[in-house]
Amino acid sequence: MQELGNAINDSLSESDRIAEAIGEIKRAGYDVFLVLEATIGFNRRDESAEEEDDEQVESTEEPKRTFEATSKIKFTSQDHRFLRALKIAVDEDPK
């Protein structure tokens, strides 16, 4: 996952088009900062799924996708207000 993040970062920093757009903004008298957020999901395939892929079995059923959280997220009060504004409930982790 780290390698993917590095590849994305390298692609953006080496982009002439992005550099030109940032240059135009700076020449107009603005400071520029660029923050991009990427959500990358992945899950481990089991061997039976790989065998089915090899046999190219057709199925109309969507595969079940599961994701595991690898770390805890700390929300600020501003995060909570934003999520509430979007009507998204966040379960508090009891301590």
C-alpha atoms as a PDB file:
ATOM      1  CA  MET A   1       0.000   0.000   0.000  1.00  0.00           C
ATOM      2  CA  GLN A   2       2.898   2.332   0.792  1.00  0.00           C
ATOM      3  CA  GLU A   3       4.353   1.664  -2.651  1.00  0.00           C
ATOM      4  CA  LEU A   4       1.035   2.626  -4.274  1.00  0.00           C
ATOM      5  CA  GLY A   5       0.955   5.862  -2.281  1.00  0.00           C
ATOM      6  CA  ASN A   6       4.518   6.661  -3.322  1.00  0.00           C
ATOM      7  CA  ALA A   7       3.698   5.955  -6.979  1.00  0.00           C
ATOM      8  CA  ILE A   8       0.692   8.297  -6.874  1.00  0.00           C
ATOM      9  CA  ASN A   9       2.735  11.013  -5.174  1.00  0.00           C
ATOM     10  CA  ASP A  10       5.546  10.670  -7.721  1.00  0.00           C
ATOM     11  CA  SER A  11       3.084  10.865 -10.616  1.00  0.00           C
ATOM     12  CA  LEU A  12       1.551  14.063  -9.278  1.00  0.00           C
ATOM     13  CA  SER A  13       4.851  15.738  -8.478  1.00  0.00           C
ATOM     14  CA  GLU A  14       6.262  14.911 -11.920  1.00  0.00           C
ATOM     15  CA  SER A  15       3.188  16.114 -13.835  1.00  0.00           C
ATOM     16  CA  ASP A  16       3.987  19.072 -16.095  1.00  0.00           C
ATOM     17  CA  ARG A  17       0.283  19.913 -16.335  1.00  0.00           C
ATOM     18  CA  ILE A  18      -0.096  20.141 -12.555  1.00  0.00           C
ATOM     19  CA  ALA A  19       3.132  22.156 -12.266  1.00  0.00           C
ATOM     20  CA  GLU A  20       1.863  24.618 -14.894  1.00  0.00           C
ATOM     21  CA  ALA A  21      -1.497  25.051 -13.152  1.00  0.00           C
ATOM     22  CA  ILE A  22       0.205  25.636  -9.787  1.00  0.00           C
ATOM     23  CA  GLY A  23       2.603  28.089 -11.438  1.00  0.00           C
ATOM     24  CA  GLU A  24      -0.305  30.097 -12.846  1.00  0.00           C
ATOM     25  CA  ILE A  25      -1.933  30.285  -9.418  1.00  0.00           C
ATOM     26  CA  LYS A  26       1.343  31.428  -7.819  1.00  0.00           C
ATOM     27  CA  ARG A  27       1.862  34.065 -10.523  1.00  0.00           C
ATOM     28  CA  ALA A  28      -1.617  35.366  -9.710  1.00  0.00           C
ATOM     29  CA  GLY A  29      -0.357  36.047  -6.176  1.00  0.00           C
ATOM     30  CA  TYR A  30      -1.638  33.052  -4.255  1.00  0.00           C
ATOM     31  CA  ASP A  31       0.132  30.502  -2.088  1.00  0.00           C
ATOM     32  CA  VAL A  32      -0.734  26.975  -3.156  1.00  0.00           C
ATOM     33  CA  PHE A  33      -1.148  23.804  -1.205  1.00  0.00           C
ATOM     34  CA  LEU A  34      -2.567  20.655  -2.687  1.00  0.00           C
ATOM     35  CA  VAL A  35      -4.249  18.014  -0.583  1.00  0.00           C
ATOM     36  CA  LEU A  36      -5.647  14.944  -2.281  1.00  0.00           C
ATOM     37  CA  GLU A  37      -7.362  12.114  -0.509  1.00  0.00           C
ATOM     38  CA  ALA A  38      -7.494   8.665  -1.980  1.00  0.00           C
ATOM     39  CA  THR A  39      -9.516   5.821  -0.589  1.00  0.00           C
ATOM     40  CA  ILE A  40      -8.006   2.509  -1.526  1.00  0.00           C
ATOM     41  CA  GLY A  41      -9.821  -0.676  -0.628  1.00  0.00           C
ATOM     42  CA  PHE A  42      -8.519  -4.177  -0.921  1.00  0.00           C
ATOM     43  CA  ASN A  43      -9.223  -7.600   0.407  1.00  0.00           C
ATOM     44  CA  ARG A  44      -7.444 -10.914   0.261  1.00  0.00           C
ATOM     45  CA  ARG A  45      -8.825 -13.372  -2.273  1.00  0.00           C
ATOM     46  CA  ASP A  46      -9.147 -16.972  -1.199  1.00  0.00           C
ATOM     47  CA  GLU A  47      -7.849 -19.833  -3.328  1.00  0.00           C
ATOM     48  CA  SER A  48     -11.321 -21.042  -4.346  1.00  0.00           C
ATOM     49  CA  ALA A  49     -12.086 -17.599  -5.815  1.00  0.00           C
ATOM     50  CA  GLU A  50      -8.842 -17.694  -7.795  1.00  0.00           C
ATOM     51  CA  GLU A  51      -9.719 -21.136  -9.191  1.00  0.00           C
ATOM     52  CA  GLU A  52     -13.131 -19.853 -10.277  1.00  0.00           C
ATOM     53  CA  ASP A  53     -11.452 -16.891 -11.968  1.00  0.00           C
ATOM     54  CA  ASP A  54      -9.146 -19.264 -13.834  1.00  0.00           C
ATOM     55  CA  GLU A  55     -12.122 -21.304 -15.055  1.00  0.00           C
ATOM     56  CA  GLN A  56     -13.948 -18.091 -16.038  1.00  0.00           C
ATOM     57  CA  VAL A  57     -17.189 -19.202 -14.426  1.00  0.00           C
ATOM     58  CA  GLU A  58     -19.945 -16.705 -15.126  1.00  0.00           C
ATOM     59  CA  SER A  59     -22.019 -15.568 -12.187  1.00  0.00           C
ATOM     60  CA  THR A  60     -24.698 -12.922 -11.917  1.00  0.00           C
ATOM     61  CA  GLU A  61     -24.154 -12.636  -8.165  1.00  0.00           C
ATOM     62  CA  GLU A  62     -21.943  -9.810  -6.914  1.00  0.00           C
ATOM     63  CA  PRO A  63     -18.925 -11.024  -4.944  1.00  0.00           C
ATOM     64  CA  LYS A  64     -19.009 -10.206  -1.241  1.00  0.00           C
ATOM     65  CA  ARG A  65     -16.400  -7.654  -0.273  1.00  0.00           C
ATOM     66  CA  THR A  66     -14.997  -7.430   3.200  1.00  0.00           C
ATOM     67  CA  PHE A  67     -12.609  -4.871   4.598  1.00  0.00           C
ATOM     68  CA  GLU A  68     -10.713  -4.809   7.850  1.00  0.00           C
ATOM     69  CA  ALA A  69      -9.680  -1.684   9.707  1.00  0.00           C
ATOM     70  CA  THR A  70      -5.965  -1.754  10.368  1.00  0.00           C
ATOM     71  CA  SER A  71      -5.824   1.190  12.760  1.00  0.00           C
ATOM     72  CA  LYS A  72      -8.006   3.447  14.855  1.00  0.00           C
ATOM     73  CA  ILE A  73      -9.105   6.859  13.633  1.00  0.00           C
ATOM     74  CA  LYS A  74      -9.166   9.835  15.980  1.00  0.00           C
ATOM     75  CA  PHE A  75     -11.871  12.356  15.129  1.00  0.00           C
ATOM     76  CA  THR A  76     -11.704  15.984  16.168  1.00  0.00           C
ATOM     77  CA  SER A  77     -14.780  17.897  17.268  1.00  0.00           C
ATOM     78  CA  GLN A  78     -14.741  19.541  13.838  1.00  0.00           C
ATOM     79  CA  ASP A  79     -14.804  16.083  12.207  1.00  0.00           C
ATOM     80  CA  HIS A  80     -17.828  15.138  14.325  1.00  0.00           C
ATOM     81  CA  ARG A  81     -19.680  18.344  13.381  1.00  0.00           C
ATOM     82  CA  PHE A  82     -18.957  17.766   9.700  1.00  0.00           C
ATOM     83  CA  LEU A  83     -20.134  14.164   9.795  1.00  0.00           C
ATOM     84  CA  ARG A  84     -23.290  15.121  11.711  1.00  0.00           C
ATOM     85  CA  ALA A  85     -24.009  17.780   9.051  1.00  0.00           C
ATOM     86  CA  LEU A  86     -23.869  14.985   6.486  1.00  0.00           C
ATOM     87  CA  LYS A  87     -26.152  12.894   8.724  1.00  0.00           C
ATOM     88  CA  ILE A  88     -23.411  10.316   9.299  1.00  0.00           C
ATOM     89  CA  ALA A  89     -23.380   8.707  12.734  1.00  0.00           C
ATOM     90  CA  VAL A  90     -20.043   7.826  14.270  1.00  0.00           C
ATOM     91  CA  ASP A  91     -20.019   5.187  16.990  1.00  0.00           C
ATOM     92  CA  GLU A  92     -17.818   6.164  19.883  1.00  0.00           C
ATOM     93  CA  ASP A  93     -15.383   3.475  21.011  1.00  0.00           C
ATOM     94  CA  PRO A  94     -16.014   2.893  24.738  1.00  0.00           C
ATOM     95  CA  LYS A  95     -12.898   3.226  26.874  1.00  0.00           C
END
